[in-house]
Amino acid sequence: MPENAVNTLGYLKLFFSRMPSLSADLGLDEAHRARWDEIAQKLSPFPSGRVADLDSSYNRRRKLTVDVRDLLPADMLEKRVFFNEEKGNRWSLGFPGNIMHIYPAGAIGLDSPPELLETARNTIAVRSEQEKRLAEYWLRQNPPDGGSRHVRTGAWNDGNISCLFFPAAVRVGFDPDVIFDELVTRVATLGLPNGFFDRNPHGIENLSLVPNTIQEMMLQSHEGIIRIFPVWPRRTHPNARFANLWANGAFQVSASLRAGTVCSVSIRANRDGELVLQNPWPGHVVSVGSHQVSGDCLTIPVKAGDVLAIRPAN
């Protein structure tokens, strides 16, 4: 019997950690809040281990049983990755379910402990490399008529879960150039004129892939901290902008990037509360209207209807 599936642990952490604040907003069930918080804190850790501890896995689509360790370069075998389950199926060749606690559950993000972030990034990197090597392996076993051709498979190009894999990579700060290149390649090779992806059996589910990924690269707020262009390929795409994207806390955010540097930020508050903003200009004092604030994270009280023009204080 499987135990401690990593995606289930992620969803439980999301549920029980969010319930106290939802309860407070609704003015309900105050007596349960401490218990919900206790459960969230006492959940089992996400199962993880070395790639070298994995063994044979089965890929249903390709009908292959392969030892994962034979697919990967030697320097990846000592990396720690998340397992699917603590007891049971640790890994899958075709379904990267061991990223679902990152996205959509949101249990890991840029504020997570460094060791969790490293394991998350390792998981993205290993799955990415594994899928490339699996495609090459499958082609060697099944050479196509008319000569060799490149086959993209799994993870970045999975017909089922790529709509989660891309945003998960963004959430943990994976290499933005790799993410952007994989996204462009997917659209170029599998995109259809109506916005669907070719060979997509899951309908509208994958329509979220491109907008979710791009928004997460430009704007994040899932940990209660608004981050501007947190995982954007600034070197290769130094100019970008967005307008009126929604952030957690009922904020509408607009910002622009020029020559790789944030040059303007405007935030509209739609409810009373606090705005917590990661400083878009690290190490610099920031002007918010007529006030100046400083620090890595800026906490600013707001009223519904406030529109904040945020810029570096020169």
Protein backbone atom coordinates (compact mmCIF):
# COMPACT_ATOMS: atom_id res chain seq x y z
CA MET A 1 0.00 0.00 0.00
CA PRO A 2 1.52 3.38 -1.01
CA GLU A 3 2.29 5.82 1.80
CA ASN A 4 2.90 9.56 1.89
CA ALA A 5 2.39 10.48 -1.75
CA VAL A 6 4.21 13.77 -2.30
CA ASN A 7 1.33 15.40 -4.17
CA THR A 8 -1.15 14.48 -1.41
CA LEU A 9 1.17 15.89 1.25
CA GLY A 10 1.37 19.11 -0.76
CA TYR A 11 -2.40 19.43 -1.06
CA LEU A 12 -2.89 18.70 2.64
CA LYS A 13 -0.31 21.32 3.55
CA LEU A 14 -2.08 23.83 1.30
CA PHE A 15 -5.48 23.00 2.80
CA PHE A 16 -4.58 23.05 6.48
CA SER A 17 -2.20 26.02 6.29
CA ARG A 18 -4.79 28.15 4.48
CA MET A 19 -7.84 27.21 6.55
CA PRO A 20 -7.04 29.45 9.56
CA SER A 21 -6.86 32.62 7.44
CA LEU A 22 -9.95 31.63 5.43
CA SER A 23 -11.77 30.99 8.69
CA ALA A 24 -10.72 34.40 10.05
CA ASP A 25 -11.83 36.20 6.87
CA LEU A 26 -15.23 34.50 7.06
CA GLY A 27 -15.58 34.87 10.82
CA LEU A 28 -16.24 31.14 11.23
CA ASP A 29 -14.86 28.17 13.20
CA GLU A 30 -12.39 30.06 15.35
CA ALA A 31 -12.10 27.07 17.70
CA HIS A 32 -10.60 24.91 14.92
CA ARG A 33 -7.84 27.25 13.77
CA ALA A 34 -5.14 26.09 16.17
CA ARG A 35 -5.81 22.45 15.30
CA TRP A 36 -5.62 23.14 11.54
CA ASP A 37 -2.32 24.92 12.01
CA GLU A 38 -0.99 22.06 14.14
CA ILE A 39 -1.86 19.51 11.43
CA ALA A 40 -0.12 21.62 8.78
CA GLN A 41 3.03 21.75 10.91
CA LYS A 42 3.08 18.03 11.72
CA LEU A 43 2.61 16.57 8.24
CA SER A 44 5.29 14.12 7.12
CA PRO A 45 8.18 15.64 5.17
CA PHE A 46 8.09 15.34 1.41
CA PRO A 47 9.68 12.00 0.43
CA SER A 48 13.04 12.41 -1.25
CA GLY A 49 16.33 10.66 -1.87
CA ARG A 50 19.21 10.23 -4.27
CA VAL A 51 18.68 9.45 -7.93
CA ALA A 52 21.04 6.52 -7.35
CA ASP A 53 18.42 5.00 -5.02
CA LEU A 54 15.88 4.69 -7.85
CA ASP A 55 15.52 1.61 -10.00
CA SER A 56 13.52 0.40 -12.99
CA SER A 57 10.47 2.40 -13.99
CA TYR A 58 7.79 1.79 -16.58
CA ASN A 59 6.63 4.18 -19.28
CA ARG A 60 3.13 3.24 -20.41
CA ARG A 61 3.07 5.43 -23.50
CA ARG A 62 6.38 4.10 -24.84
CA LYS A 63 5.83 0.61 -23.35
CA LEU A 64 9.34 0.60 -21.97
CA THR A 65 10.85 -0.60 -18.72
CA VAL A 66 14.12 1.23 -18.14
CA ASP A 67 16.47 1.70 -15.20
CA VAL A 68 16.43 5.44 -14.59
CA ARG A 69 20.09 5.34 -13.60
CA ASP A 70 21.02 4.05 -17.05
CA LEU A 71 19.41 7.07 -18.70
CA LEU A 72 21.22 9.78 -16.78
CA PRO A 73 24.79 11.09 -16.68
CA ALA A 74 26.84 9.95 -13.70
CA ASP A 75 26.98 13.40 -12.11
CA MET A 76 23.19 13.37 -11.66
CA LEU A 77 23.03 10.13 -9.70
CA GLU A 78 23.98 11.71 -6.37
CA LYS A 79 21.44 14.53 -6.65
CA ARG A 80 18.56 14.49 -4.18
CA VAL A 81 15.12 14.56 -5.81
CA PHE A 82 11.52 14.29 -4.66
CA PHE A 83 9.97 10.82 -4.87
CA ASN A 84 6.38 10.15 -5.91
CA GLU A 85 5.74 8.23 -2.68
CA GLU A 86 7.67 7.40 0.48
CA LYS A 87 6.58 3.77 0.17
CA GLY A 88 5.45 2.54 -3.21
CA ASN A 89 6.23 3.97 -6.62
CA ARG A 90 9.15 6.35 -6.15
CA TRP A 91 9.48 7.48 -9.76
CA SER A 92 7.72 7.43 -13.11
CA LEU A 93 9.20 7.65 -16.59
CA GLY A 94 6.12 9.23 -18.11
CA PHE A 95 4.14 11.15 -15.47
CA PRO A 96 6.08 13.74 -13.45
CA GLY A 97 3.66 13.72 -10.53
CA ASN A 98 6.46 14.45 -8.08
CA ILE A 99 6.22 18.18 -8.84
CA MET A 100 2.52 18.63 -7.96
CA HIS A 101 3.28 19.63 -4.36
CA ILE A 102 5.20 22.56 -5.89
CA TYR A 103 2.44 23.46 -8.35
CA PRO A 104 -0.50 23.63 -8.07
CA ALA A 105 -0.28 22.93 -4.32
CA GLY A 106 2.15 25.82 -3.75
CA ALA A 107 3.90 24.08 -0.86
CA ILE A 108 7.35 25.15 -2.10
CA GLY A 109 8.37 28.54 -3.44
CA LEU A 110 11.15 31.07 -3.55
CA ASP A 111 10.95 31.65 0.23
CA SER A 112 11.31 27.95 1.07
CA PRO A 113 14.40 26.63 2.90
CA PRO A 114 17.43 26.32 0.60
CA GLU A 115 17.58 22.53 0.89
CA LEU A 116 13.96 22.18 -0.28
CA LEU A 117 14.58 24.53 -3.19
CA GLU A 118 17.69 22.61 -4.20
CA THR A 119 15.78 19.31 -4.16
CA ALA A 120 12.97 20.89 -6.18
CA ARG A 121 15.36 22.27 -8.81
CA ASN A 122 17.17 18.94 -8.95
CA THR A 123 13.84 17.22 -9.59
CA ILE A 124 13.07 19.56 -12.50
CA ALA A 125 16.57 19.12 -13.93
CA VAL A 126 16.60 15.32 -13.61
CA ARG A 127 13.13 14.95 -15.13
CA SER A 128 14.10 17.23 -18.00
CA GLU A 129 17.30 15.30 -18.73
CA GLN A 130 15.59 11.95 -18.25
CA GLU A 131 12.89 12.74 -20.80
CA LYS A 132 15.43 13.84 -23.39
CA ARG A 133 17.43 10.65 -22.89
CA LEU A 134 14.26 8.53 -22.90
CA ALA A 135 13.30 9.93 -26.30
CA GLU A 136 16.73 9.10 -27.67
CA TYR A 137 16.54 5.60 -26.17
CA TRP A 138 13.08 5.00 -27.66
CA LEU A 139 14.26 6.10 -31.10
CA ARG A 140 17.16 3.67 -30.96
CA GLN A 141 14.71 0.88 -30.17
CA ASN A 142 12.14 2.07 -32.73
CA PRO A 143 13.95 3.78 -35.62
CA PRO A 144 11.43 5.63 -37.81
CA ASP A 145 11.14 5.08 -41.54
CA GLY A 146 13.14 7.57 -43.58
CA GLY A 147 15.90 8.10 -41.04
CA SER A 148 16.23 9.50 -37.54
CA ARG A 149 14.16 12.37 -36.23
CA HIS A 150 14.01 14.16 -32.92
CA VAL A 151 11.17 13.21 -30.59
CA ARG A 152 10.32 15.45 -27.66
CA THR A 153 8.62 13.63 -24.82
CA GLY A 154 7.43 13.97 -21.25
CA ALA A 155 7.93 16.67 -18.60
CA TRP A 156 8.14 19.85 -20.74
CA ASN A 157 6.07 18.22 -23.50
CA ASP A 158 3.80 15.83 -21.65
CA GLY A 159 0.24 15.80 -22.99
CA ASN A 160 -1.16 15.67 -19.48
CA ILE A 161 0.90 17.43 -16.85
CA SER A 162 3.07 19.94 -18.71
CA CYS A 163 0.55 22.61 -17.65
CA LEU A 164 1.82 21.95 -14.11
CA PHE A 165 5.47 21.18 -14.86
CA PHE A 166 6.25 24.57 -16.43
CA PRO A 167 4.77 26.68 -13.58
CA ALA A 168 6.42 24.37 -11.02
CA ALA A 169 9.79 25.07 -12.61
CA VAL A 170 9.08 28.80 -12.36
CA ARG A 171 7.90 28.60 -8.74
CA VAL A 172 11.25 27.22 -7.60
CA GLY A 173 13.41 29.56 -9.68
CA PHE A 174 14.65 27.10 -12.29
CA ASP A 175 16.77 28.54 -15.11
CA PRO A 176 14.43 31.06 -16.82
CA ASP A 177 16.21 30.76 -20.17
CA VAL A 178 15.56 27.01 -20.22
CA ILE A 179 11.90 27.50 -19.26
CA PHE A 180 11.34 30.18 -21.91
CA ASP A 181 13.10 28.18 -24.64
CA GLU A 182 11.12 25.04 -23.81
CA LEU A 183 7.88 27.04 -23.86
CA VAL A 184 8.63 28.61 -27.25
CA THR A 185 9.66 25.23 -28.67
CA ARG A 186 6.48 23.58 -27.40
CA VAL A 187 4.28 26.23 -29.00
CA ALA A 188 6.26 26.11 -32.26
CA THR A 189 6.19 22.32 -32.56
CA LEU A 190 2.84 21.41 -31.00
CA GLY A 191 0.77 24.61 -31.08
CA LEU A 192 -2.35 24.81 -33.25
CA PRO A 193 -3.96 27.97 -34.71
CA ASN A 194 -6.91 27.73 -32.28
CA GLY A 195 -4.64 27.79 -29.22
CA PHE A 196 -4.83 24.07 -28.48
CA PHE A 197 -1.85 21.75 -28.55
CA ASP A 198 -1.56 18.91 -31.03
CA ARG A 199 -1.99 15.41 -29.57
CA ASN A 200 -3.59 16.87 -26.45
CA PRO A 201 -6.18 14.46 -25.03
CA HIS A 202 -6.95 16.71 -22.06
CA GLY A 203 -8.79 19.55 -23.77
CA ILE A 204 -8.88 22.91 -22.02
CA GLU A 205 -6.60 21.78 -19.17
CA ASN A 206 -3.50 22.62 -21.20
CA LEU A 207 -4.87 25.98 -22.34
CA SER A 208 -3.52 27.29 -19.03
CA LEU A 209 0.06 26.29 -19.85
CA VAL A 210 1.28 29.42 -21.63
CA PRO A 211 -0.56 32.15 -19.66
CA ASN A 212 0.15 30.52 -16.29
CA THR A 213 3.83 30.09 -17.05
CA ILE A 214 4.31 33.61 -18.41
CA GLN A 215 2.41 35.20 -15.52
CA GLU A 216 4.44 33.26 -12.94
CA MET A 217 7.65 34.37 -14.65
CA MET A 218 6.52 38.01 -14.56
CA LEU A 219 4.62 38.11 -11.27
CA GLN A 220 4.40 35.84 -8.24
CA SER A 221 2.42 36.26 -5.04
CA HIS A 222 1.46 32.78 -3.83
CA GLU A 223 3.42 33.09 -0.57
CA GLY A 224 1.85 36.44 0.25
CA ILE A 225 4.85 38.31 -1.14
CA ILE A 226 4.51 40.09 -4.48
CA ARG A 227 7.56 39.52 -6.67
CA ILE A 228 8.15 41.47 -9.89
CA PHE A 229 9.78 39.58 -12.80
CA PRO A 230 11.11 36.98 -10.32
CA VAL A 231 12.03 34.29 -12.87
CA TRP A 232 12.28 36.17 -16.14
CA PRO A 233 15.03 35.63 -18.78
CA ARG A 234 16.42 39.13 -18.35
CA ARG A 235 19.61 38.46 -20.29
CA THR A 236 17.92 37.23 -23.47
CA HIS A 237 14.65 39.19 -23.12
CA PRO A 238 15.64 42.38 -21.26
CA ASN A 239 12.52 44.39 -22.16
CA ALA A 240 9.06 43.33 -21.02
CA ARG A 241 5.93 44.68 -19.38
CA PHE A 242 2.57 43.60 -18.03
CA ALA A 243 -0.55 45.43 -16.89
CA ASN A 244 -3.26 44.70 -14.32
CA LEU A 245 -2.30 41.15 -13.48
CA TRP A 246 -4.01 39.98 -10.31
CA ALA A 247 -2.00 39.02 -7.23
CA ASN A 248 -3.04 37.33 -4.00
CA GLY A 249 -4.53 39.82 -1.57
CA ALA A 250 -6.76 41.46 -4.21
CA PHE A 251 -4.00 43.52 -5.82
CA GLN A 252 -3.73 44.49 -9.48
CA VAL A 253 -0.12 44.88 -10.54
CA SER A 254 1.50 46.57 -13.54
CA ALA A 255 5.25 46.73 -14.16
CA SER A 256 7.84 47.14 -16.88
CA LEU A 257 11.37 45.95 -17.43
CA ARG A 258 13.92 47.86 -19.49
CA ALA A 259 17.46 46.68 -20.24
CA GLY A 260 16.96 43.93 -17.67
CA THR A 261 16.03 46.30 -14.82
CA VAL A 262 12.59 46.98 -13.37
CA CYS A 263 11.79 50.58 -14.24
CA SER A 264 8.19 51.04 -13.06
CA VAL A 265 5.70 49.38 -10.73
CA SER A 266 2.08 50.35 -10.08
CA ILE A 267 -0.16 48.44 -7.68
CA ARG A 268 -3.87 48.93 -7.04
CA ALA A 269 -5.32 47.64 -3.77
CA ASN A 270 -8.89 46.35 -3.91
CA ARG A 271 -9.27 45.73 -0.19
CA ASP A 272 -7.90 47.09 3.07
CA GLY A 273 -4.81 45.35 4.39
CA GLU A 274 -1.07 45.16 3.88
CA LEU A 275 0.97 45.00 0.72
CA VAL A 276 4.13 42.90 1.05
CA LEU A 277 6.46 43.50 -1.89
CA GLN A 278 9.88 42.03 -2.53
CA ASN A 279 12.05 45.07 -3.24
CA PRO A 280 12.33 45.27 -7.05
CA TRP A 281 15.59 47.24 -6.57
CA PRO A 282 17.60 45.24 -4.01
CA GLY A 283 19.71 47.40 -1.73
CA HIS A 284 17.96 50.62 -2.73
CA VAL A 285 15.52 52.83 -0.85
CA VAL A 286 12.11 52.83 -2.53
CA SER A 287 9.59 55.66 -2.91
CA VAL A 288 5.93 54.76 -2.47
CA GLY A 289 4.02 57.93 -3.22
CA SER A 290 5.45 60.53 -0.85
CA HIS A 291 6.93 57.94 1.54
CA GLN A 292 10.22 56.10 1.46
CA VAL A 293 10.79 52.52 2.60
CA SER A 294 13.76 50.15 2.53
CA GLY A 295 14.64 46.52 3.03
CA ASP A 296 14.46 43.25 1.13
CA CYS A 297 10.69 43.04 1.67
CA LEU A 298 8.56 46.17 1.86
CA THR A 299 5.42 46.12 4.01
CA ILE A 300 2.97 48.90 3.21
CA PRO A 301 -0.51 49.43 4.74
CA VAL A 302 -3.18 49.99 2.09
CA LYS A 303 -6.83 50.97 1.78
CA ALA A 304 -9.20 49.71 -0.89
CA GLY A 305 -8.85 51.93 -3.95
CA ASP A 306 -5.25 52.98 -3.25
CA VAL A 307 -3.04 53.10 -6.34
CA LEU A 308 0.64 52.98 -5.41
CA ALA A 309 3.33 54.29 -7.76
CA ILE A 310 6.53 52.56 -6.70
CA ARG A 311 9.97 53.61 -7.86
CA PRO A 312 13.56 53.76 -6.61
CA ALA A 313 14.35 56.81 -4.48
CA ASN A 314 17.25 58.56 -6.20
